[in-house]
Amino acid sequence: GVSSTTDFGGYSVISSAVRGDTELVCIVLNSIKEEDTNCAMTDAVALFDYGFDEFKTVDLIKIGTLIKEAQLKNGDDQDTLLLCAKRSMKVELLNNDDVSAVVRNVVVKEPLEAPVKKGDVVGYVEYTYNGNYVGTLELVAERDVDKSFLKAIVGGISWFFNLPFIKFLIYAIVAFFAIVIVAAYIRAKRRRSRRRNRRKNYRKF
């Protein structure tokens, strides 16, 4: 560790320690000296003991772990895409903490759109514990997916005809032709009715 002392900052030390797979960093500021003992050092040792004894290192997620199956648009051979953890994540929890209580919030803007390359970052997952932020992990595509131009064309056509203005225009055209057909039918019916009336009148004479 690195130790220093100043009139303003007192006895201070920055140190690190490793036990097993766990490494801790300790910073002690404005401590005191008792007789020949630098209390910053003894404080650091006490804090390291507390950290190693009372906390545990938990593998929250491993690299490549499947997190979500997301909807995929215009994929050439599939409509979904598996999303995996880009890296592993470890967290330090108190020994009596319940790992299953860690809350996961996945953020992905669906549907994703092809083409997608394996390893592309397409979202992230945020972890919290008892309302406290734990960490954020990026999500990546599990495989390559090429774009289907046929699906893209069909999707473009569908998108076009679902535009509010286009829908209104189509409804208006359909209504116009319906009115024209009904009007033509009524005129034709009236003409037939007039012909029948003329024939009846002709027979009377």
N, C-alpha and C. Protein backbone atom coordinates (compact mmCIF):
# COMPACT_ATOMS: atom_id res chain seq x y z
N GLY A 1 0.81 -1.19 0.00
CA GLY A 1 0.00 0.00 0.00
C GLY A 1 0.86 1.25 0.00
N VAL A 2 0.24 2.39 -0.20
CA VAL A 2 0.90 3.69 -0.22
C VAL A 2 0.43 4.47 0.99
N SER A 3 1.40 4.91 1.79
CA SER A 3 1.05 5.63 3.01
C SER A 3 1.59 7.05 2.94
N SER A 4 0.84 7.98 3.51
CA SER A 4 1.29 9.37 3.55
C SER A 4 0.70 10.04 4.78
N THR A 5 1.28 11.17 5.15
CA THR A 5 0.73 11.95 6.26
C THR A 5 0.94 13.43 5.99
N THR A 6 -0.08 14.21 6.32
CA THR A 6 0.00 15.66 6.20
C THR A 6 -0.67 16.27 7.42
N ASP A 7 -0.38 17.54 7.69
CA ASP A 7 -1.02 18.21 8.81
C ASP A 7 -2.53 18.28 8.63
N PHE A 8 -2.96 18.45 7.38
CA PHE A 8 -4.39 18.60 7.11
C PHE A 8 -5.08 17.24 6.98
N GLY A 9 -4.44 16.28 6.30
CA GLY A 9 -5.08 14.99 6.01
C GLY A 9 -4.80 13.93 7.03
N GLY A 10 -3.90 14.15 7.96
CA GLY A 10 -3.60 13.13 8.95
C GLY A 10 -2.89 11.94 8.31
N TYR A 11 -2.91 10.81 9.01
CA TYR A 11 -2.29 9.59 8.50
C TYR A 11 -3.27 8.89 7.55
N SER A 12 -2.79 8.60 6.34
CA SER A 12 -3.65 8.01 5.31
C SER A 12 -2.91 6.88 4.62
N VAL A 13 -3.67 5.95 4.07
CA VAL A 13 -3.07 4.82 3.35
C VAL A 13 -4.05 4.32 2.29
N ILE A 14 -3.50 3.97 1.13
CA ILE A 14 -4.25 3.30 0.06
C ILE A 14 -3.60 1.94 -0.12
N SER A 15 -4.38 0.88 0.01
CA SER A 15 -3.81 -0.47 -0.05
C SER A 15 -4.80 -1.44 -0.69
N SER A 16 -4.28 -2.59 -1.09
CA SER A 16 -5.12 -3.65 -1.65
C SER A 16 -4.68 -4.99 -1.08
N ALA A 17 -5.59 -5.96 -1.10
CA ALA A 17 -5.28 -7.29 -0.57
C ALA A 17 -6.08 -8.32 -1.36
N VAL A 18 -5.52 -9.50 -1.48
CA VAL A 18 -6.17 -10.59 -2.23
C VAL A 18 -6.30 -11.80 -1.32
N ARG A 19 -7.48 -12.41 -1.33
CA ARG A 19 -7.71 -13.66 -0.62
C ARG A 19 -8.56 -14.55 -1.52
N GLY A 20 -8.01 -15.64 -1.99
CA GLY A 20 -8.73 -16.49 -2.94
C GLY A 20 -8.92 -15.75 -4.25
N ASP A 21 -10.18 -15.70 -4.71
CA ASP A 21 -10.50 -15.00 -5.96
C ASP A 21 -10.97 -13.56 -5.72
N THR A 22 -10.89 -13.13 -4.47
CA THR A 22 -11.41 -11.80 -4.13
C THR A 22 -10.26 -10.84 -3.88
N GLU A 23 -10.36 -9.66 -4.50
CA GLU A 23 -9.39 -8.60 -4.27
C GLU A 23 -10.14 -7.37 -3.76
N LEU A 24 -9.67 -6.80 -2.68
CA LEU A 24 -10.28 -5.62 -2.10
C LEU A 24 -9.29 -4.46 -2.11
N VAL A 25 -9.83 -3.26 -2.21
CA VAL A 25 -9.05 -2.03 -2.13
C VAL A 25 -9.56 -1.24 -0.94
N CYS A 26 -8.66 -0.71 -0.15
CA CYS A 26 -9.03 0.02 1.05
C CYS A 26 -8.34 1.39 1.05
N ILE A 27 -9.10 2.42 1.36
CA ILE A 27 -8.56 3.77 1.47
C ILE A 27 -8.92 4.31 2.85
N VAL A 28 -7.92 4.64 3.64
CA VAL A 28 -8.12 5.21 4.97
C VAL A 28 -7.58 6.63 4.95
N LEU A 29 -8.39 7.58 5.37
CA LEU A 29 -8.00 8.99 5.37
C LEU A 29 -8.11 9.57 6.78
N ASN A 30 -7.18 10.49 7.08
CA ASN A 30 -7.24 11.28 8.31
C ASN A 30 -7.29 10.42 9.57
N SER A 31 -6.44 9.39 9.59
CA SER A 31 -6.32 8.58 10.79
C SER A 31 -5.30 9.24 11.74
N ILE A 32 -4.92 8.53 12.80
CA ILE A 32 -4.01 9.09 13.81
C ILE A 32 -2.83 8.15 14.03
N LYS A 33 -1.90 8.59 14.84
CA LYS A 33 -0.77 7.76 15.25
C LYS A 33 -0.77 7.69 16.77
N GLU A 34 -0.74 6.46 17.26
CA GLU A 34 -0.71 6.24 18.70
C GLU A 34 0.65 5.63 19.05
N GLU A 35 1.43 6.39 19.84
CA GLU A 35 2.79 5.98 20.17
C GLU A 35 3.57 5.74 18.87
N ASP A 36 4.00 4.51 18.60
CA ASP A 36 4.74 4.24 17.37
C ASP A 36 3.88 3.54 16.32
N THR A 37 2.57 3.51 16.54
CA THR A 37 1.68 2.77 15.63
C THR A 37 0.93 3.72 14.71
N ASN A 38 1.07 3.48 13.42
CA ASN A 38 0.30 4.22 12.41
C ASN A 38 -1.08 3.58 12.34
N CYS A 39 -2.08 4.25 12.88
CA CYS A 39 -3.42 3.67 12.95
C CYS A 39 -4.07 3.51 11.58
N ALA A 40 -3.60 4.24 10.61
CA ALA A 40 -4.14 4.06 9.25
C ALA A 40 -3.90 2.64 8.78
N MET A 41 -2.71 2.09 9.11
CA MET A 41 -2.37 0.72 8.72
C MET A 41 -3.24 -0.30 9.45
N THR A 42 -3.37 -0.14 10.76
CA THR A 42 -4.18 -1.09 11.53
C THR A 42 -5.66 -1.00 11.14
N ASP A 43 -6.11 0.21 10.83
CA ASP A 43 -7.50 0.37 10.36
C ASP A 43 -7.70 -0.37 9.03
N ALA A 44 -6.72 -0.26 8.15
CA ALA A 44 -6.83 -0.94 6.85
C ALA A 44 -6.89 -2.45 7.03
N VAL A 45 -6.05 -2.98 7.92
CA VAL A 45 -6.06 -4.43 8.18
C VAL A 45 -7.42 -4.86 8.73
N ALA A 46 -7.97 -4.08 9.65
CA ALA A 46 -9.28 -4.41 10.23
C ALA A 46 -10.38 -4.38 9.16
N LEU A 47 -10.29 -3.40 8.26
CA LEU A 47 -11.30 -3.31 7.18
C LEU A 47 -11.16 -4.46 6.21
N PHE A 48 -9.94 -4.86 5.89
CA PHE A 48 -9.75 -6.02 5.01
C PHE A 48 -10.32 -7.28 5.64
N ASP A 49 -10.05 -7.49 6.92
CA ASP A 49 -10.60 -8.67 7.60
C ASP A 49 -12.13 -8.67 7.54
N TYR A 50 -12.71 -7.49 7.78
CA TYR A 50 -14.18 -7.39 7.73
C TYR A 50 -14.69 -7.71 6.32
N GLY A 51 -14.02 -7.14 5.32
CA GLY A 51 -14.46 -7.37 3.95
C GLY A 51 -14.38 -8.83 3.54
N PHE A 52 -13.28 -9.48 3.85
CA PHE A 52 -13.11 -10.89 3.47
C PHE A 52 -14.03 -11.81 4.27
N ASP A 53 -14.26 -11.48 5.53
CA ASP A 53 -15.05 -12.36 6.41
C ASP A 53 -16.56 -12.19 6.22
N GLU A 54 -16.99 -10.99 5.94
CA GLU A 54 -18.43 -10.71 5.92
C GLU A 54 -19.04 -10.66 4.51
N PHE A 55 -18.21 -10.61 3.48
CA PHE A 55 -18.72 -10.53 2.11
C PHE A 55 -18.32 -11.77 1.32
N LYS A 56 -19.10 -12.04 0.29
CA LYS A 56 -18.81 -13.17 -0.60
C LYS A 56 -18.85 -12.69 -2.05
N THR A 57 -18.02 -13.31 -2.88
CA THR A 57 -18.00 -13.00 -4.30
C THR A 57 -18.95 -13.96 -5.02
N VAL A 58 -19.90 -13.40 -5.77
CA VAL A 58 -20.92 -14.21 -6.44
C VAL A 58 -20.79 -14.03 -7.95
N ASP A 59 -20.78 -15.16 -8.66
CA ASP A 59 -20.84 -15.12 -10.13
C ASP A 59 -22.28 -14.84 -10.52
N LEU A 60 -22.57 -13.58 -10.80
CA LEU A 60 -23.95 -13.21 -11.12
C LEU A 60 -24.34 -13.71 -12.51
N ILE A 61 -23.44 -13.63 -13.44
CA ILE A 61 -23.72 -14.08 -14.80
C ILE A 61 -22.40 -14.45 -15.46
N LYS A 62 -22.42 -15.44 -16.34
CA LYS A 62 -21.22 -15.85 -17.06
C LYS A 62 -21.31 -15.41 -18.52
N ILE A 63 -20.17 -15.17 -19.13
CA ILE A 63 -20.13 -14.74 -20.52
C ILE A 63 -20.83 -15.78 -21.40
N GLY A 64 -21.64 -15.29 -22.34
CA GLY A 64 -22.34 -16.19 -23.25
C GLY A 64 -23.65 -16.73 -22.74
N THR A 65 -24.02 -16.41 -21.49
CA THR A 65 -25.29 -16.89 -20.95
C THR A 65 -26.47 -16.30 -21.69
N LEU A 66 -27.43 -17.14 -22.06
CA LEU A 66 -28.64 -16.67 -22.74
C LEU A 66 -29.47 -15.82 -21.78
N ILE A 67 -29.82 -14.61 -22.21
CA ILE A 67 -30.60 -13.70 -21.38
C ILE A 67 -32.01 -13.53 -21.92
N LYS A 68 -32.16 -13.43 -23.24
CA LYS A 68 -33.48 -13.11 -23.79
C LYS A 68 -33.58 -13.60 -25.23
N GLU A 69 -34.79 -13.95 -25.64
CA GLU A 69 -35.10 -14.23 -27.04
C GLU A 69 -35.92 -13.06 -27.56
N ALA A 70 -35.32 -12.26 -28.43
CA ALA A 70 -35.96 -11.03 -28.90
C ALA A 70 -36.60 -11.23 -30.27
N GLN A 71 -37.63 -10.43 -30.53
CA GLN A 71 -38.28 -10.45 -31.83
C GLN A 71 -37.36 -9.83 -32.88
N LEU A 72 -37.33 -10.44 -34.08
CA LEU A 72 -36.44 -10.00 -35.15
C LEU A 72 -37.25 -9.71 -36.41
N LYS A 73 -36.94 -8.59 -37.03
CA LYS A 73 -37.66 -8.17 -38.24
C LYS A 73 -36.78 -8.36 -39.47
N ASN A 74 -37.38 -8.94 -40.53
CA ASN A 74 -36.73 -9.12 -41.83
C ASN A 74 -35.54 -10.08 -41.78
N GLY A 75 -35.55 -11.03 -40.84
CA GLY A 75 -34.51 -12.06 -40.83
C GLY A 75 -34.77 -13.08 -41.93
N ASP A 76 -33.71 -13.57 -42.58
CA ASP A 76 -33.92 -14.43 -43.74
C ASP A 76 -34.40 -15.83 -43.38
N ASP A 77 -34.10 -16.29 -42.16
CA ASP A 77 -34.52 -17.65 -41.80
C ASP A 77 -35.10 -17.76 -40.41
N GLN A 78 -35.33 -16.63 -39.74
CA GLN A 78 -35.88 -16.69 -38.38
C GLN A 78 -36.50 -15.35 -38.01
N ASP A 79 -37.43 -15.43 -37.06
CA ASP A 79 -38.14 -14.24 -36.60
C ASP A 79 -37.76 -13.85 -35.19
N THR A 80 -36.84 -14.60 -34.58
CA THR A 80 -36.35 -14.27 -33.24
C THR A 80 -34.83 -14.37 -33.22
N LEU A 81 -34.23 -13.76 -32.21
CA LEU A 81 -32.77 -13.76 -32.07
C LEU A 81 -32.42 -13.92 -30.60
N LEU A 82 -31.51 -14.85 -30.31
CA LEU A 82 -31.06 -15.07 -28.94
C LEU A 82 -30.04 -14.00 -28.57
N LEU A 83 -30.21 -13.43 -27.37
CA LEU A 83 -29.31 -12.40 -26.87
C LEU A 83 -28.56 -12.96 -25.66
N CYS A 84 -27.23 -12.79 -25.68
CA CYS A 84 -26.37 -13.37 -24.64
C CYS A 84 -25.57 -12.29 -23.92
N ALA A 85 -25.04 -12.66 -22.76
CA ALA A 85 -24.19 -11.76 -22.00
C ALA A 85 -22.86 -11.56 -22.71
N LYS A 86 -22.45 -10.31 -22.86
CA LYS A 86 -21.19 -10.02 -23.54
C LYS A 86 -19.98 -10.39 -22.69
N ARG A 87 -20.15 -10.37 -21.38
CA ARG A 87 -19.04 -10.69 -20.48
C ARG A 87 -19.60 -11.29 -19.19
N SER A 88 -18.71 -11.77 -18.37
CA SER A 88 -19.11 -12.27 -17.05
C SER A 88 -19.22 -11.11 -16.08
N MET A 89 -19.99 -11.32 -15.01
CA MET A 89 -20.12 -10.29 -13.98
C MET A 89 -20.11 -10.94 -12.61
N LYS A 90 -19.23 -10.43 -11.74
CA LYS A 90 -19.18 -10.85 -10.35
C LYS A 90 -19.57 -9.69 -9.47
N VAL A 91 -20.23 -9.99 -8.34
CA VAL A 91 -20.62 -8.94 -7.40
C VAL A 91 -20.24 -9.38 -5.99
N GLU A 92 -20.06 -8.39 -5.14
CA GLU A 92 -19.78 -8.65 -3.74
C GLU A 92 -21.06 -8.44 -2.93
N LEU A 93 -21.48 -9.48 -2.24
CA LEU A 93 -22.67 -9.42 -1.40
C LEU A 93 -22.33 -9.86 0.02
N LEU A 94 -23.11 -9.37 0.96
CA LEU A 94 -22.96 -9.85 2.34
C LEU A 94 -23.29 -11.34 2.40
N ASN A 95 -22.68 -12.03 3.33
CA ASN A 95 -22.85 -13.48 3.41
C ASN A 95 -24.31 -13.90 3.56
N ASN A 96 -25.10 -13.09 4.23
CA ASN A 96 -26.51 -13.46 4.44
C ASN A 96 -27.44 -12.87 3.37
N ASP A 97 -26.87 -12.23 2.35
CA ASP A 97 -27.70 -11.71 1.26
C ASP A 97 -28.22 -12.85 0.40
N ASP A 98 -29.44 -12.68 -0.11
CA ASP A 98 -30.07 -13.68 -0.96
C ASP A 98 -29.80 -13.32 -2.42
N VAL A 99 -29.00 -14.13 -3.10
CA VAL A 99 -28.64 -13.85 -4.50
C VAL A 99 -29.87 -13.84 -5.39
N SER A 100 -30.85 -14.68 -5.08
CA SER A 100 -32.05 -14.74 -5.91
C SER A 100 -32.87 -13.46 -5.86
N ALA A 101 -32.56 -12.58 -4.89
CA ALA A 101 -33.28 -11.31 -4.77
C ALA A 101 -32.72 -10.24 -5.69
N VAL A 102 -31.64 -10.54 -6.37
CA VAL A 102 -31.09 -9.59 -7.35
C VAL A 102 -32.08 -9.47 -8.50
N VAL A 103 -32.49 -8.24 -8.81
CA VAL A 103 -33.51 -7.99 -9.83
C VAL A 103 -32.83 -7.65 -11.15
N ARG A 104 -33.34 -8.24 -12.22
CA ARG A 104 -32.78 -8.03 -13.56
C ARG A 104 -33.78 -7.27 -14.43
N ASN A 105 -33.33 -6.19 -15.04
CA ASN A 105 -34.17 -5.41 -15.94
C ASN A 105 -33.52 -5.39 -17.33
N VAL A 106 -34.15 -6.09 -18.28
CA VAL A 106 -33.62 -6.20 -19.64
C VAL A 106 -34.19 -5.07 -20.49
N VAL A 107 -33.30 -4.36 -21.18
CA VAL A 107 -33.71 -3.25 -22.04
C VAL A 107 -33.27 -3.55 -23.47
N VAL A 108 -34.25 -3.84 -24.33
CA VAL A 108 -34.00 -4.12 -25.75
C VAL A 108 -35.12 -3.47 -26.55
N LYS A 109 -34.75 -2.74 -27.58
CA LYS A 109 -35.75 -2.11 -28.43
C LYS A 109 -36.19 -3.11 -29.49
N GLU A 110 -37.38 -3.67 -29.29
CA GLU A 110 -37.89 -4.68 -30.21
C GLU A 110 -38.96 -4.08 -31.15
N PRO A 111 -39.09 -4.65 -32.37
CA PRO A 111 -38.27 -5.76 -32.87
C PRO A 111 -36.91 -5.27 -33.37
N LEU A 112 -35.90 -6.13 -33.21
CA LEU A 112 -34.61 -5.86 -33.83
C LEU A 112 -34.75 -6.04 -35.33
N GLU A 113 -33.83 -5.48 -36.08
CA GLU A 113 -33.94 -5.55 -37.54
C GLU A 113 -32.67 -6.12 -38.15
N ALA A 114 -32.87 -7.12 -39.02
CA ALA A 114 -31.74 -7.71 -39.74
C ALA A 114 -31.23 -6.71 -40.79
N PRO A 115 -29.94 -6.80 -41.18
CA PRO A 115 -28.97 -7.83 -40.80
C PRO A 115 -28.36 -7.57 -39.44
N VAL A 116 -27.98 -8.68 -38.79
CA VAL A 116 -27.32 -8.61 -37.48
C VAL A 116 -26.10 -9.52 -37.52
N LYS A 117 -25.00 -9.06 -36.98
CA LYS A 117 -23.78 -9.85 -36.91
C LYS A 117 -23.59 -10.39 -35.50
N LYS A 118 -23.04 -11.59 -35.40
CA LYS A 118 -22.74 -12.19 -34.11
C LYS A 118 -21.84 -11.26 -33.32
N GLY A 119 -22.25 -10.97 -32.08
CA GLY A 119 -21.46 -10.09 -31.23
C GLY A 119 -21.91 -8.64 -31.25
N ASP A 120 -22.85 -8.28 -32.15
CA ASP A 120 -23.38 -6.92 -32.17
C ASP A 120 -24.09 -6.63 -30.85
N VAL A 121 -23.82 -5.46 -30.26
CA VAL A 121 -24.51 -5.06 -29.03
C VAL A 121 -25.91 -4.56 -29.40
N VAL A 122 -26.93 -5.18 -28.86
CA VAL A 122 -28.31 -4.85 -29.24
C VAL A 122 -29.17 -4.47 -28.03
N GLY A 123 -28.58 -4.41 -26.85
CA GLY A 123 -29.34 -4.04 -25.66
C GLY A 123 -28.47 -4.19 -24.43
N TYR A 124 -29.09 -4.08 -23.29
CA TYR A 124 -28.35 -4.24 -22.05
C TYR A 124 -29.28 -4.74 -20.94
N VAL A 125 -28.67 -5.22 -19.88
CA VAL A 125 -29.44 -5.67 -18.72
C VAL A 125 -28.85 -4.99 -17.50
N GLU A 126 -29.73 -4.47 -16.65
CA GLU A 126 -29.31 -3.76 -15.44
C GLU A 126 -29.74 -4.56 -14.22
N TYR A 127 -28.82 -4.71 -13.28
CA TYR A 127 -29.08 -5.47 -12.06
C TYR A 127 -29.17 -4.53 -10.86
N THR A 128 -30.15 -4.78 -10.01
CA THR A 128 -30.29 -4.03 -8.76
C THR A 128 -30.56 -5.02 -7.62
N TYR A 129 -30.22 -4.59 -6.40
CA TYR A 129 -30.47 -5.41 -5.22
C TYR A 129 -31.01 -4.51 -4.12
N ASN A 130 -32.22 -4.82 -3.68
CA ASN A 130 -32.90 -3.98 -2.67
C ASN A 130 -32.95 -2.52 -3.09
N GLY A 131 -33.15 -2.31 -4.39
CA GLY A 131 -33.26 -0.96 -4.92
C GLY A 131 -31.94 -0.28 -5.19
N ASN A 132 -30.82 -0.95 -4.88
CA ASN A 132 -29.50 -0.38 -5.11
C ASN A 132 -28.89 -0.92 -6.40
N TYR A 133 -28.26 -0.05 -7.12
CA TYR A 133 -27.65 -0.42 -8.40
C TYR A 133 -26.49 -1.38 -8.18
N VAL A 134 -26.47 -2.47 -8.95
CA VAL A 134 -25.40 -3.46 -8.86
C VAL A 134 -24.45 -3.36 -10.05
N GLY A 135 -25.02 -3.31 -11.26
CA GLY A 135 -24.17 -3.24 -12.44
C GLY A 135 -24.97 -3.36 -13.72
N THR A 136 -24.32 -3.07 -14.83
CA THR A 136 -24.95 -3.13 -16.15
C THR A 136 -24.13 -4.03 -17.06
N LEU A 137 -24.82 -4.83 -17.85
CA LEU A 137 -24.17 -5.79 -18.73
C LEU A 137 -24.74 -5.65 -20.13
N GLU A 138 -23.86 -5.58 -21.13
CA GLU A 138 -24.34 -5.46 -22.52
C GLU A 138 -24.80 -6.81 -23.04
N LEU A 139 -25.80 -6.77 -23.91
CA LEU A 139 -26.32 -7.97 -24.55
C LEU A 139 -25.91 -7.98 -26.02
N VAL A 140 -25.49 -9.14 -26.50
CA VAL A 140 -25.01 -9.25 -27.88
C VAL A 140 -25.79 -10.34 -28.62
N ALA A 141 -25.79 -10.23 -29.96
CA ALA A 141 -26.45 -11.22 -30.81
C ALA A 141 -25.70 -12.54 -30.74
N GLU A 142 -26.46 -13.63 -30.67
CA GLU A 142 -25.86 -14.95 -30.52
C GLU A 142 -25.34 -15.50 -31.84
N ARG A 143 -25.85 -14.97 -32.97
CA ARG A 143 -25.44 -15.47 -34.29
C ARG A 143 -25.66 -14.43 -35.36
N ASP A 144 -25.11 -14.69 -36.55
CA ASP A 144 -25.35 -13.83 -37.71
C ASP A 144 -26.74 -14.10 -38.27
N VAL A 145 -27.41 -13.04 -38.70
CA VAL A 145 -28.69 -13.19 -39.40
C VAL A 145 -28.69 -12.22 -40.57
N ASP A 146 -28.80 -12.77 -41.79
CA ASP A 146 -28.85 -11.93 -42.98
C ASP A 146 -30.25 -11.35 -43.16
N LYS A 147 -30.31 -10.33 -43.99
CA LYS A 147 -31.59 -9.67 -44.24
C LYS A 147 -32.32 -10.34 -45.39
N SER A 148 -33.60 -10.59 -45.21
CA SER A 148 -34.45 -11.12 -46.26
C SER A 148 -35.08 -9.95 -47.01
N PHE A 149 -34.65 -9.76 -48.27
CA PHE A 149 -35.17 -8.63 -49.04
C PHE A 149 -36.64 -8.82 -49.38
N LEU A 150 -37.07 -10.09 -49.53
CA LEU A 150 -38.49 -10.34 -49.78
C LEU A 150 -39.33 -9.90 -48.60
N LYS A 151 -38.88 -10.26 -47.38
CA LYS A 151 -39.60 -9.83 -46.18
C LYS A 151 -39.58 -8.31 -46.04
N ALA A 152 -38.44 -7.72 -46.41
CA ALA A 152 -38.32 -6.26 -46.31
C ALA A 152 -39.30 -5.57 -47.25
N ILE A 153 -39.42 -6.13 -48.48
CA ILE A 153 -40.35 -5.54 -49.46
C ILE A 153 -41.79 -5.68 -48.98
N VAL A 154 -42.13 -6.91 -48.53
CA VAL A 154 -43.50 -7.15 -48.03
C VAL A 154 -43.78 -6.26 -46.83
N GLY A 155 -42.78 -6.14 -45.94
CA GLY A 155 -42.95 -5.29 -44.77
C GLY A 155 -43.11 -3.83 -45.15
N GLY A 156 -42.35 -3.40 -46.18
CA GLY A 156 -42.47 -2.01 -46.64
C GLY A 156 -43.84 -1.73 -47.23
N ILE A 157 -44.35 -2.69 -47.99
CA ILE A 157 -45.69 -2.53 -48.57
C ILE A 157 -46.74 -2.47 -47.46
N SER A 158 -46.60 -3.38 -46.49
CA SER A 158 -47.54 -3.40 -45.37
C SER A 158 -47.47 -2.08 -44.60
N TRP A 159 -46.25 -1.59 -44.36
CA TRP A 159 -46.08 -0.32 -43.65
C TRP A 159 -46.74 0.82 -44.42
N PHE A 160 -46.57 0.81 -45.76
CA PHE A 160 -47.14 1.88 -46.58
C PHE A 160 -48.65 1.89 -46.49
N PHE A 161 -49.25 0.71 -46.62
CA PHE A 161 -50.72 0.66 -46.62
C PHE A 161 -51.31 0.81 -45.22
N ASN A 162 -50.48 0.80 -44.20
CA ASN A 162 -50.97 1.04 -42.85
C ASN A 162 -50.78 2.47 -42.39
N LEU A 163 -50.22 3.32 -43.26
CA LEU A 163 -50.12 4.73 -42.93
C LEU A 163 -51.52 5.33 -42.81
N PRO A 164 -51.78 6.16 -41.82
CA PRO A 164 -53.13 6.71 -41.62
C PRO A 164 -53.67 7.40 -42.87
N PHE A 165 -52.84 8.18 -43.56
CA PHE A 165 -53.32 8.89 -44.76
C PHE A 165 -53.71 7.90 -45.86
N ILE A 166 -52.86 6.86 -46.05
CA ILE A 166 -53.15 5.87 -47.09
C ILE A 166 -54.42 5.09 -46.74
N LYS A 167 -54.56 4.74 -45.46
CA LYS A 167 -55.79 4.05 -45.03
C LYS A 167 -57.02 4.90 -45.34
N PHE A 168 -56.93 6.19 -45.00
CA PHE A 168 -58.06 7.09 -45.26
C PHE A 168 -58.36 7.17 -46.75
N LEU A 169 -57.28 7.26 -47.56
CA LEU A 169 -57.47 7.36 -49.01
C LEU A 169 -58.12 6.10 -49.56
N ILE A 170 -57.68 4.93 -49.08
CA ILE A 170 -58.27 3.67 -49.55
C ILE A 170 -59.73 3.59 -49.16
N TYR A 171 -60.06 3.95 -47.92
CA TYR A 171 -61.45 3.93 -47.47
C TYR A 171 -62.30 4.89 -48.31
N ALA A 172 -61.72 6.05 -48.63
CA ALA A 172 -62.45 7.03 -49.42
C ALA A 172 -62.72 6.50 -50.82
N ILE A 173 -61.72 5.86 -51.43
CA ILE A 173 -61.90 5.30 -52.78
C ILE A 173 -62.94 4.20 -52.77
N VAL A 174 -62.84 3.31 -51.77
CA VAL A 174 -63.82 2.22 -51.66
C VAL A 174 -65.23 2.78 -51.46
N ALA A 175 -65.37 3.80 -50.60
CA ALA A 175 -66.68 4.41 -50.37
C ALA A 175 -67.20 5.07 -51.64
N PHE A 176 -66.30 5.74 -52.40
CA PHE A 176 -66.70 6.40 -53.64
C PHE A 176 -67.25 5.38 -54.64
N PHE A 177 -66.52 4.28 -54.86
CA PHE A 177 -66.98 3.27 -55.81
C PHE A 177 -68.25 2.59 -55.33
N ALA A 178 -68.38 2.44 -54.00
CA ALA A 178 -69.62 1.85 -53.48
C ALA A 178 -70.80 2.75 -53.78
N ILE A 179 -70.60 4.06 -53.59
CA ILE A 179 -71.67 5.02 -53.89
C ILE A 179 -72.00 5.00 -55.37
N VAL A 180 -70.95 4.95 -56.24
CA VAL A 180 -71.17 4.92 -57.69
C VAL A 180 -71.95 3.68 -58.08
N ILE A 181 -71.60 2.52 -57.51
CA ILE A 181 -72.29 1.27 -57.85
C ILE A 181 -73.74 1.31 -57.39
N VAL A 182 -73.95 1.80 -56.15
CA VAL A 182 -75.33 1.89 -55.65
C VAL A 182 -76.15 2.86 -56.50
N ALA A 183 -75.53 4.01 -56.87
CA ALA A 183 -76.24 4.98 -57.70
C ALA A 183 -76.57 4.40 -59.06
N ALA A 184 -75.65 3.65 -59.66
CA ALA A 184 -75.89 3.03 -60.96
C ALA A 184 -77.00 1.99 -60.86
N TYR A 185 -76.99 1.25 -59.76
CA TYR A 185 -78.04 0.24 -59.57
C TYR A 185 -79.41 0.90 -59.44
N ILE A 186 -79.47 2.01 -58.68
CA ILE A 186 -80.75 2.71 -58.51
C ILE A 186 -81.24 3.27 -59.84
N ARG A 187 -80.32 3.87 -60.65
CA ARG A 187 -80.72 4.41 -61.96
C ARG A 187 -81.22 3.32 -62.88
N ALA A 188 -80.50 2.17 -62.86
CA ALA A 188 -80.92 1.05 -63.71
C ALA A 188 -82.29 0.54 -63.28
N LYS A 189 -82.53 0.49 -61.99
CA LYS A 189 -83.83 0.01 -61.49
C LYS A 189 -84.94 0.97 -61.88
N ARG A 190 -84.65 2.27 -61.82
CA ARG A 190 -85.66 3.26 -62.22
C ARG A 190 -85.97 3.17 -63.70
N ARG A 191 -84.93 2.95 -64.54
CA ARG A 191 -85.16 2.82 -65.98
C ARG A 191 -86.03 1.61 -66.27
N ARG A 192 -85.74 0.47 -65.59
CA ARG A 192 -86.57 -0.72 -65.81
C ARG A 192 -88.00 -0.46 -65.38
N SER A 193 -88.15 0.29 -64.26
CA SER A 193 -89.50 0.58 -63.78
C SER A 193 -90.25 1.46 -64.78
N ARG A 194 -89.54 2.46 -65.37
CA ARG A 194 -90.21 3.33 -66.36
C ARG A 194 -90.60 2.54 -67.61
N ARG A 195 -89.77 1.60 -68.03
CA ARG A 195 -90.09 0.78 -69.22
C ARG A 195 -91.33 -0.05 -68.95
N ARG A 196 -91.40 -0.65 -67.76
CA ARG A 196 -92.58 -1.47 -67.46
C ARG A 196 -93.85 -0.62 -67.44
N ASN A 197 -93.73 0.59 -66.89
CA ASN A 197 -94.89 1.48 -66.86
C ASN A 197 -95.34 1.87 -68.26
N ARG A 198 -94.36 2.11 -69.17
CA ARG A 198 -94.72 2.47 -70.55
C ARG A 198 -95.41 1.31 -71.25
N ARG A 199 -94.93 0.08 -71.00
CA ARG A 199 -95.55 -1.09 -71.64
C ARG A 199 -96.99 -1.26 -71.14
N LYS A 200 -97.19 -1.04 -69.82
CA LYS A 200 -98.55 -1.17 -69.29
C LYS A 200 -99.48 -0.14 -69.92
N ASN A 201 -99.01 1.10 -70.02
CA ASN A 201 -99.82 2.15 -70.62
C ASN A 201 -100.12 1.86 -72.09
N TYR A 202 -99.16 1.27 -72.80
CA TYR A 202 -99.35 0.97 -74.23
C TYR A 202 -100.42 -0.11 -74.41
N ARG A 203 -100.43 -1.11 -73.51
CA ARG A 203 -101.40 -2.19 -73.63
C ARG A 203 -102.85 -1.68 -73.39
N LYS A 204 -102.97 -0.66 -72.53
CA LYS A 204 -104.30 -0.12 -72.24
C LYS A 204 -104.93 0.49 -73.48
N PHE A 205 -104.10 1.09 -74.31
CA PHE A 205 -104.65 1.71 -75.52
C PHE A 205 -104.74 0.70 -76.64
